Amino acid sequence: MKKNLVTLIALISLSMSGCSIIDNNIKVDKELQKKAAFALGTTPEKIKITNRGADIMKVTFNATFNRRVFQCYYTGGVIITSDAICSATDGKAMPATSQCNALLKAAGKC
C-alpha cells in the first residue's frame, strides 16, 4: 500500500513539473497584460509585455506601463496560477493605485 502511494505521488509530481513552462508557451500576451494590469492598478490595454521566460515553478515577464518597465512573475501553471507580482526596475515607487488597498487605507498607510 505504501509503495503504491509513493508511486502515485511520484507520478503526480512528475506530471506537474514543468507546468509553468507549458503555461508560458500557451498563454498569449493579452492574458499577461491582464495579470500585470491588476498588479499595477491599470487596464490591460495600457500594458506592453516583453522578455517572457519560465522555469518549472514560475513565469517571468516585463510589463511596460507609462514608459516604465516592471519585472513581473506569477507561479503555477496551466490550470491554476497566482496573480502577478511586479516590481519597478527604475528604483522609483510603484504606481500609487497598486500600493493602496482597503487594509492599507484603514491602517493609515496611504
C-alpha atoms as a PDB file:
ATOM      1  CA  MET A   1       0.000   0.000   0.000  1.00  0.00           C
ATOM      2  CA  LYS A   2       2.767   2.470   0.947  1.00  0.00           C
ATOM      3  CA  LYS A   3       4.674   1.626  -2.219  1.00  0.00           C
ATOM      4  CA  ASN A   4       1.604   2.364  -4.357  1.00  0.00           C
ATOM      5  CA  LEU A   5       1.064   5.688  -2.585  1.00  0.00           C
ATOM      6  CA  VAL A   6       4.692   6.714  -3.089  1.00  0.00           C
ATOM      7  CA  THR A   7       4.466   5.718  -6.768  1.00  0.00           C
ATOM      8  CA  LEU A   8       1.261   7.717  -7.210  1.00  0.00           C
ATOM      9  CA  ILE A   9       2.754  10.805  -5.578  1.00  0.00           C
ATOM     10  CA  ALA A  10       5.868  10.498  -7.745  1.00  0.00           C
ATOM     11  CA  LEU A  11       3.785  10.233 -10.918  1.00  0.00           C
ATOM     12  CA  ILE A  12       1.670  13.248  -9.989  1.00  0.00           C
ATOM     13  CA  SER A  13       4.787  15.274  -9.176  1.00  0.00           C
ATOM     14  CA  LEU A  14       6.431  14.360 -12.460  1.00  0.00           C
ATOM     15  CA  SER A  15       3.320  15.157 -14.454  1.00  0.00           C
ATOM     16  CA  MET A  16       3.034  18.582 -12.799  1.00  0.00           C
ATOM     17  CA  SER A  17       6.699  19.547 -13.116  1.00  0.00           C
ATOM     18  CA  GLY A  18       7.250  21.994 -15.905  1.00  0.00           C
ATOM     19  CA  CYS A  19       3.680  23.316 -15.769  1.00  0.00           C
ATOM     20  CA  SER A  20       4.885  26.926 -15.750  1.00  0.00           C
ATOM     21  CA  ILE A  21       6.955  26.283 -18.856  1.00  0.00           C
ATOM     22  CA  ILE A  22       3.900  24.856 -20.601  1.00  0.00           C
ATOM     23  CA  ASP A  23       1.734  27.722 -19.330  1.00  0.00           C
ATOM     24  CA  ASN A  24       4.205  30.288 -20.690  1.00  0.00           C
ATOM     25  CA  ASN A  25       4.098  28.621 -24.105  1.00  0.00           C
ATOM     26  CA  ILE A  26       0.305  28.613 -24.366  1.00  0.00           C
ATOM     27  CA  LYS A  27      -0.581  31.963 -22.734  1.00  0.00           C
ATOM     28  CA  VAL A  28      -0.980  34.891 -25.091  1.00  0.00           C
ATOM     29  CA  ASP A  29       0.277  38.365 -24.196  1.00  0.00           C
ATOM     30  CA  LYS A  30      -3.295  39.566 -23.523  1.00  0.00           C
ATOM     31  CA  GLU A  31      -3.539  37.221 -20.535  1.00  0.00           C
ATOM     32  CA  LEU A  32      -0.218  38.507 -19.164  1.00  0.00           C
ATOM     33  CA  GLN A  33      -1.412  42.074 -19.754  1.00  0.00           C
ATOM     34  CA  LYS A  34      -4.446  41.349 -17.557  1.00  0.00           C
ATOM     35  CA  LYS A  35      -2.277  39.943 -14.765  1.00  0.00           C
ATOM     36  CA  ALA A  36       0.176  42.863 -14.895  1.00  0.00           C
ATOM     37  CA  ALA A  37      -2.600  45.460 -15.154  1.00  0.00           C
ATOM     38  CA  PHE A  38      -4.204  44.094 -11.996  1.00  0.00           C
ATOM     39  CA  ALA A  39      -0.870  44.257 -10.147  1.00  0.00           C
ATOM     40  CA  LEU A  40      -0.132  47.782 -11.380  1.00  0.00           C
ATOM     41  CA  GLY A  41      -3.625  49.213 -10.934  1.00  0.00           C
ATOM     42  CA  THR A  42      -4.346  49.981 -14.564  1.00  0.00           C
ATOM     43  CA  THR A  43      -6.093  48.469 -17.578  1.00  0.00           C
ATOM     44  CA  PRO A  44      -4.648  45.739 -19.837  1.00  0.00           C
ATOM     45  CA  GLU A  45      -4.516  47.861 -22.997  1.00  0.00           C
ATOM     46  CA  LYS A  46      -2.007  50.190 -21.300  1.00  0.00           C
ATOM     47  CA  ILE A  47       0.498  47.345 -20.728  1.00  0.00           C
ATOM     48  CA  LYS A  48       3.112  46.052 -23.181  1.00  0.00           C
ATOM     49  CA  ILE A  49       4.625  42.611 -22.477  1.00  0.00           C
ATOM     50  CA  THR A  50       8.257  41.758 -23.310  1.00  0.00           C
ATOM     51  CA  ASN A  51      11.046  39.432 -22.228  1.00  0.00           C
ATOM     52  CA  ARG A  52       8.940  36.381 -21.368  1.00  0.00           C
ATOM     53  CA  GLY A  53      10.548  33.380 -19.719  1.00  0.00           C
ATOM     54  CA  ALA A  54       9.712  30.438 -17.488  1.00  0.00           C
ATOM     55  CA  ASP A  55      11.172  27.825 -15.214  1.00  0.00           C
ATOM     56  CA  ILE A  56       9.484  24.898 -13.537  1.00  0.00           C
ATOM     57  CA  MET A  57       7.636  26.993 -10.937  1.00  0.00           C
ATOM     58  CA  LYS A  58       7.143  30.493 -12.357  1.00  0.00           C
ATOM     59  CA  VAL A  59       6.618  32.587 -15.476  1.00  0.00           C
ATOM     60  CA  THR A  60       8.572  35.852 -15.670  1.00  0.00           C
ATOM     61  CA  PHE A  61       7.996  38.822 -17.953  1.00  0.00           C
ATOM     62  CA  ASN A  62       8.498  42.565 -18.226  1.00  0.00           C
ATOM     63  CA  ALA A  63       5.474  44.855 -18.290  1.00  0.00           C
ATOM     64  CA  THR A  64       5.875  48.371 -19.669  1.00  0.00           C
ATOM     65  CA  PHE A  65       3.394  50.935 -18.336  1.00  0.00           C
ATOM     66  CA  ASN A  66       3.681  54.733 -18.696  1.00  0.00           C
ATOM     67  CA  ARG A  67       7.204  54.359 -20.182  1.00  0.00           C
ATOM     68  CA  ARG A  68       8.318  52.470 -17.046  1.00  0.00           C
ATOM     69  CA  VAL A  69       9.407  48.828 -17.033  1.00  0.00           C
ATOM     70  CA  PHE A  70       8.280  46.481 -14.285  1.00  0.00           C
ATOM     71  CA  GLN A  71       9.606  42.979 -13.719  1.00  0.00           C
ATOM     72  CA  CYS A  72       6.705  40.636 -13.055  1.00  0.00           C
ATOM     73  CA  TYR A  73       6.151  36.977 -12.340  1.00  0.00           C
ATOM     74  CA  TYR A  74       3.427  34.545 -11.404  1.00  0.00           C
ATOM     75  CA  THR A  75       3.538  30.969 -10.176  1.00  0.00           C
ATOM     76  CA  GLY A  76       1.640  27.830 -11.034  1.00  0.00           C
ATOM     77  CA  GLY A  77       0.722  26.682 -14.463  1.00  0.00           C
ATOM     78  CA  VAL A  78      -1.900  25.656 -16.981  1.00  0.00           C
ATOM     79  CA  ILE A  79      -4.841  25.073 -14.606  1.00  0.00           C
ATOM     80  CA  ILE A  80      -4.171  27.228 -11.531  1.00  0.00           C
ATOM     81  CA  THR A  81      -1.952  30.318 -11.459  1.00  0.00           C
ATOM     82  CA  SER A  82      -1.314  33.074  -8.951  1.00  0.00           C
ATOM     83  CA  ASP A  83      -1.776  36.774  -9.503  1.00  0.00           C
ATOM     84  CA  ALA A  84       1.235  38.587 -10.931  1.00  0.00           C
ATOM     85  CA  ILE A  85       3.720  40.243  -8.615  1.00  0.00           C
ATOM     86  CA  CYS A  86       5.571  43.184 -10.157  1.00  0.00           C
ATOM     87  CA  SER A  87       8.385  45.473  -9.074  1.00  0.00           C
ATOM     88  CA  ALA A  88       9.762  48.627 -10.647  1.00  0.00           C
ATOM     89  CA  THR A  89      13.121  48.417 -12.405  1.00  0.00           C
ATOM     90  CA  ASP A  90      13.899  52.129 -12.140  1.00  0.00           C
ATOM     91  CA  GLY A  91      14.069  52.359  -8.336  1.00  0.00           C
ATOM     92  CA  LYS A  92      11.014  54.614  -8.177  1.00  0.00           C
ATOM     93  CA  ALA A  93       7.892  53.793  -6.214  1.00  0.00           C
ATOM     94  CA  MET A  94       5.218  51.560  -7.646  1.00  0.00           C
ATOM     95  CA  PRO A  95       2.183  53.311  -9.166  1.00  0.00           C
ATOM     96  CA  ALA A  96       0.061  54.745  -6.356  1.00  0.00           C
ATOM     97  CA  THR A  97      -3.026  52.801  -7.384  1.00  0.00           C
ATOM     98  CA  SER A  98      -1.232  49.495  -6.880  1.00  0.00           C
ATOM     99  CA  GLN A  99       0.044  50.352  -3.402  1.00  0.00           C
ATOM    100  CA  CYS A 100      -3.158  51.350  -1.686  1.00  0.00           C
ATOM    101  CA  ASN A 101      -5.937  48.947  -0.776  1.00  0.00           C
ATOM    102  CA  ALA A 102      -8.644  48.911   1.883  1.00  0.00           C
ATOM    103  CA  LEU A 103      -6.356  47.395   4.522  1.00  0.00           C
ATOM    104  CA  LEU A 104      -3.588  49.934   3.918  1.00  0.00           C
ATOM    105  CA  LYS A 105      -6.114  52.794   3.969  1.00  0.00           C
ATOM    106  CA  ALA A 106      -7.528  51.555   7.289  1.00  0.00           C
ATOM    107  CA  ALA A 107      -4.011  51.416   8.713  1.00  0.00           C
ATOM    108  CA  GLY A 108      -3.339  54.978   7.555  1.00  0.00           C
ATOM    109  CA  LYS A 109      -0.511  53.860   5.266  1.00  0.00           C
ATOM    110  CA  CYS A 110      -1.756  55.608   2.114  1.00  0.00           C
END
